[in-house]
Amino acid sequence: MARAMFDYTKAVLSKVSFDVNLFCKELKKALTRLLPYEVEELKVWVDSLIKQNPQLNQCLIYLNP
């Protein structure tokens, strides 16, 4: 069940990656819903997405404690 939430989160973030504000908002929501180990996986995935979409770089502040 938890894996489904992780996959859903990645799908949503991919779809909203065109809008920086929306991406940041969805990323903040995802960080509250995912398990700690999934957050670590999400960080790796977001880093690779940011390499493709550099404008999302400002959302990295939510991933660093």
N, C-alpha and C. Protein backbone atom coordinates (compact mmCIF):
# COMPACT_ATOMS: atom_id res chain seq x y z
N MET A 1 0.82 -1.19 0.00
CA MET A 1 0.00 0.00 0.00
C MET A 1 0.87 1.26 0.00
N ALA A 2 1.88 1.27 0.83
CA ALA A 2 2.74 2.45 0.92
C ALA A 2 3.46 2.69 -0.40
N ARG A 3 3.83 1.63 -1.07
CA ARG A 3 4.53 1.79 -2.36
C ARG A 3 3.62 2.47 -3.38
N ALA A 4 2.34 2.19 -3.29
CA ALA A 4 1.40 2.83 -4.20
C ALA A 4 1.39 4.34 -3.99
N MET A 5 1.49 4.78 -2.75
CA MET A 5 1.52 6.22 -2.46
C MET A 5 2.80 6.84 -3.02
N PHE A 6 3.90 6.14 -2.92
CA PHE A 6 5.16 6.64 -3.45
C PHE A 6 5.08 6.78 -4.97
N ASP A 7 4.55 5.77 -5.63
CA ASP A 7 4.41 5.82 -7.08
C ASP A 7 3.44 6.92 -7.51
N TYR A 8 2.37 7.08 -6.76
CA TYR A 8 1.40 8.14 -7.05
C TYR A 8 2.06 9.51 -6.90
N THR A 9 2.86 9.67 -5.86
CA THR A 9 3.55 10.93 -5.62
C THR A 9 4.48 11.27 -6.77
N LYS A 10 5.22 10.29 -7.25
CA LYS A 10 6.12 10.54 -8.39
C LYS A 10 5.33 10.93 -9.63
N ALA A 11 4.20 10.28 -9.84
CA ALA A 11 3.38 10.61 -11.01
C ALA A 11 2.86 12.04 -10.93
N VAL A 12 2.38 12.43 -9.75
CA VAL A 12 1.86 13.79 -9.58
C VAL A 12 2.97 14.81 -9.78
N LEU A 13 4.13 14.57 -9.17
CA LEU A 13 5.24 15.52 -9.30
C LEU A 13 5.70 15.63 -10.75
N SER A 14 5.69 14.53 -11.46
CA SER A 14 6.07 14.58 -12.88
C SER A 14 5.10 15.45 -13.67
N LYS A 15 3.81 15.29 -13.38
CA LYS A 15 2.79 16.03 -14.12
C LYS A 15 2.79 17.52 -13.82
N VAL A 16 3.20 17.92 -12.61
CA VAL A 16 3.18 19.34 -12.26
C VAL A 16 4.55 19.99 -12.39
N SER A 17 5.51 19.29 -12.94
CA SER A 17 6.87 19.83 -13.02
C SER A 17 6.98 21.03 -13.95
N PHE A 18 5.94 21.34 -14.70
CA PHE A 18 5.97 22.52 -15.57
C PHE A 18 5.81 23.82 -14.79
N ASP A 19 5.26 23.74 -13.57
CA ASP A 19 4.98 24.91 -12.75
C ASP A 19 5.75 24.80 -11.43
N VAL A 20 6.68 25.69 -11.20
CA VAL A 20 7.55 25.61 -10.02
C VAL A 20 6.74 25.72 -8.73
N ASN A 21 5.81 26.65 -8.65
CA ASN A 21 5.03 26.84 -7.42
C ASN A 21 4.18 25.61 -7.10
N LEU A 22 3.55 25.05 -8.11
CA LEU A 22 2.73 23.86 -7.92
C LEU A 22 3.60 22.66 -7.54
N PHE A 23 4.75 22.56 -8.15
CA PHE A 23 5.68 21.46 -7.83
C PHE A 23 6.12 21.56 -6.37
N CYS A 24 6.47 22.74 -5.92
CA CYS A 24 6.90 22.92 -4.53
C CYS A 24 5.77 22.58 -3.56
N LYS A 25 4.57 22.99 -3.90
CA LYS A 25 3.41 22.70 -3.05
C LYS A 25 3.18 21.19 -2.94
N GLU A 26 3.22 20.50 -4.06
CA GLU A 26 3.01 19.05 -4.06
C GLU A 26 4.16 18.32 -3.36
N LEU A 27 5.35 18.85 -3.49
CA LEU A 27 6.51 18.24 -2.83
C LEU A 27 6.35 18.35 -1.31
N LYS A 28 5.92 19.50 -0.83
CA LYS A 28 5.70 19.66 0.61
C LYS A 28 4.64 18.69 1.12
N LYS A 29 3.56 18.52 0.37
CA LYS A 29 2.52 17.58 0.77
C LYS A 29 3.06 16.16 0.79
N ALA A 30 3.86 15.81 -0.20
CA ALA A 30 4.41 14.45 -0.28
C ALA A 30 5.30 14.15 0.91
N LEU A 31 6.07 15.13 1.35
CA LEU A 31 6.98 14.90 2.47
C LEU A 31 6.24 14.63 3.77
N THR A 32 5.00 15.09 3.89
CA THR A 32 4.22 14.81 5.09
C THR A 32 3.53 13.46 5.02
N ARG A 33 3.34 12.92 3.84
CA ARG A 33 2.57 11.68 3.67
C ARG A 33 3.43 10.43 3.53
N LEU A 34 4.65 10.59 3.09
CA LEU A 34 5.48 9.42 2.83
C LEU A 34 6.23 8.96 4.08
N LEU A 35 6.60 7.70 4.06
CA LEU A 35 7.41 7.14 5.14
C LEU A 35 8.84 7.64 5.01
N PRO A 36 9.61 7.62 6.10
CA PRO A 36 10.98 8.16 6.05
C PRO A 36 11.88 7.56 4.97
N TYR A 37 11.82 6.26 4.77
CA TYR A 37 12.67 5.67 3.74
C TYR A 37 12.19 6.05 2.35
N GLU A 38 10.89 6.30 2.20
CA GLU A 38 10.37 6.74 0.90
C GLU A 38 10.79 8.17 0.62
N VAL A 39 10.90 8.98 1.65
CA VAL A 39 11.37 10.36 1.47
C VAL A 39 12.79 10.35 0.94
N GLU A 40 13.61 9.44 1.45
CA GLU A 40 15.00 9.32 0.96
C GLU A 40 15.02 8.92 -0.52
N GLU A 41 14.16 8.00 -0.90
CA GLU A 41 14.06 7.60 -2.31
C GLU A 41 13.56 8.77 -3.15
N LEU A 42 12.62 9.52 -2.61
CA LEU A 42 12.06 10.66 -3.34
C LEU A 42 13.12 11.72 -3.58
N LYS A 43 14.01 11.93 -2.60
CA LYS A 43 15.09 12.90 -2.77
C LYS A 43 15.96 12.55 -3.97
N VAL A 44 16.29 11.28 -4.11
CA VAL A 44 17.11 10.83 -5.24
C VAL A 44 16.35 11.05 -6.54
N TRP A 45 15.07 10.72 -6.54
CA TRP A 45 14.27 10.87 -7.76
C TRP A 45 14.12 12.35 -8.14
N VAL A 46 13.88 13.21 -7.15
CA VAL A 46 13.73 14.65 -7.42
C VAL A 46 15.04 15.23 -7.94
N ASP A 47 16.17 14.79 -7.40
CA ASP A 47 17.46 15.26 -7.91
C ASP A 47 17.61 14.97 -9.40
N SER A 48 17.21 13.78 -9.82
CA SER A 48 17.31 13.45 -11.24
C SER A 48 16.31 14.26 -12.07
N LEU A 49 15.14 14.54 -11.52
CA LEU A 49 14.15 15.35 -12.23
C LEU A 49 14.64 16.79 -12.38
N ILE A 50 15.31 17.29 -11.36
CA ILE A 50 15.81 18.67 -11.40
C ILE A 50 16.92 18.83 -12.43
N LYS A 51 17.66 17.78 -12.67
CA LYS A 51 18.68 17.84 -13.73
C LYS A 51 18.03 18.05 -15.09
N GLN A 52 16.82 17.53 -15.27
CA GLN A 52 16.09 17.71 -16.53
C GLN A 52 15.34 19.04 -16.56
N ASN A 53 14.94 19.52 -15.37
CA ASN A 53 14.17 20.77 -15.25
C ASN A 53 14.83 21.68 -14.22
N PRO A 54 15.88 22.39 -14.60
CA PRO A 54 16.63 23.20 -13.63
C PRO A 54 15.82 24.28 -12.93
N GLN A 55 14.71 24.70 -13.51
CA GLN A 55 13.91 25.74 -12.87
C GLN A 55 13.31 25.26 -11.55
N LEU A 56 13.25 23.95 -11.33
CA LEU A 56 12.70 23.39 -10.09
C LEU A 56 13.71 23.41 -8.94
N ASN A 57 14.89 23.90 -9.21
CA ASN A 57 15.98 23.88 -8.24
C ASN A 57 15.61 24.57 -6.92
N GLN A 58 14.78 25.58 -6.97
CA GLN A 58 14.42 26.31 -5.76
C GLN A 58 13.58 25.46 -4.81
N CYS A 59 13.02 24.37 -5.26
CA CYS A 59 12.21 23.50 -4.39
C CYS A 59 13.08 22.58 -3.54
N LEU A 60 14.35 22.57 -3.77
CA LEU A 60 15.24 21.71 -3.00
C LEU A 60 15.29 22.10 -1.52
N ILE A 61 14.90 23.31 -1.20
CA ILE A 61 14.94 23.74 0.20
C ILE A 61 14.02 22.89 1.07
N TYR A 62 12.99 22.29 0.49
CA TYR A 62 12.06 21.46 1.25
C TYR A 62 12.64 20.08 1.54
N LEU A 63 13.64 19.68 0.77
CA LEU A 63 14.22 18.36 0.95
C LEU A 63 15.36 18.35 1.96
N ASN A 64 15.90 19.49 2.28
CA ASN A 64 17.00 19.57 3.23
C ASN A 64 16.48 20.02 4.59
N PRO A 65 16.77 19.26 5.65
CA PRO A 65 16.25 19.63 6.97
C PRO A 65 16.87 20.89 7.52
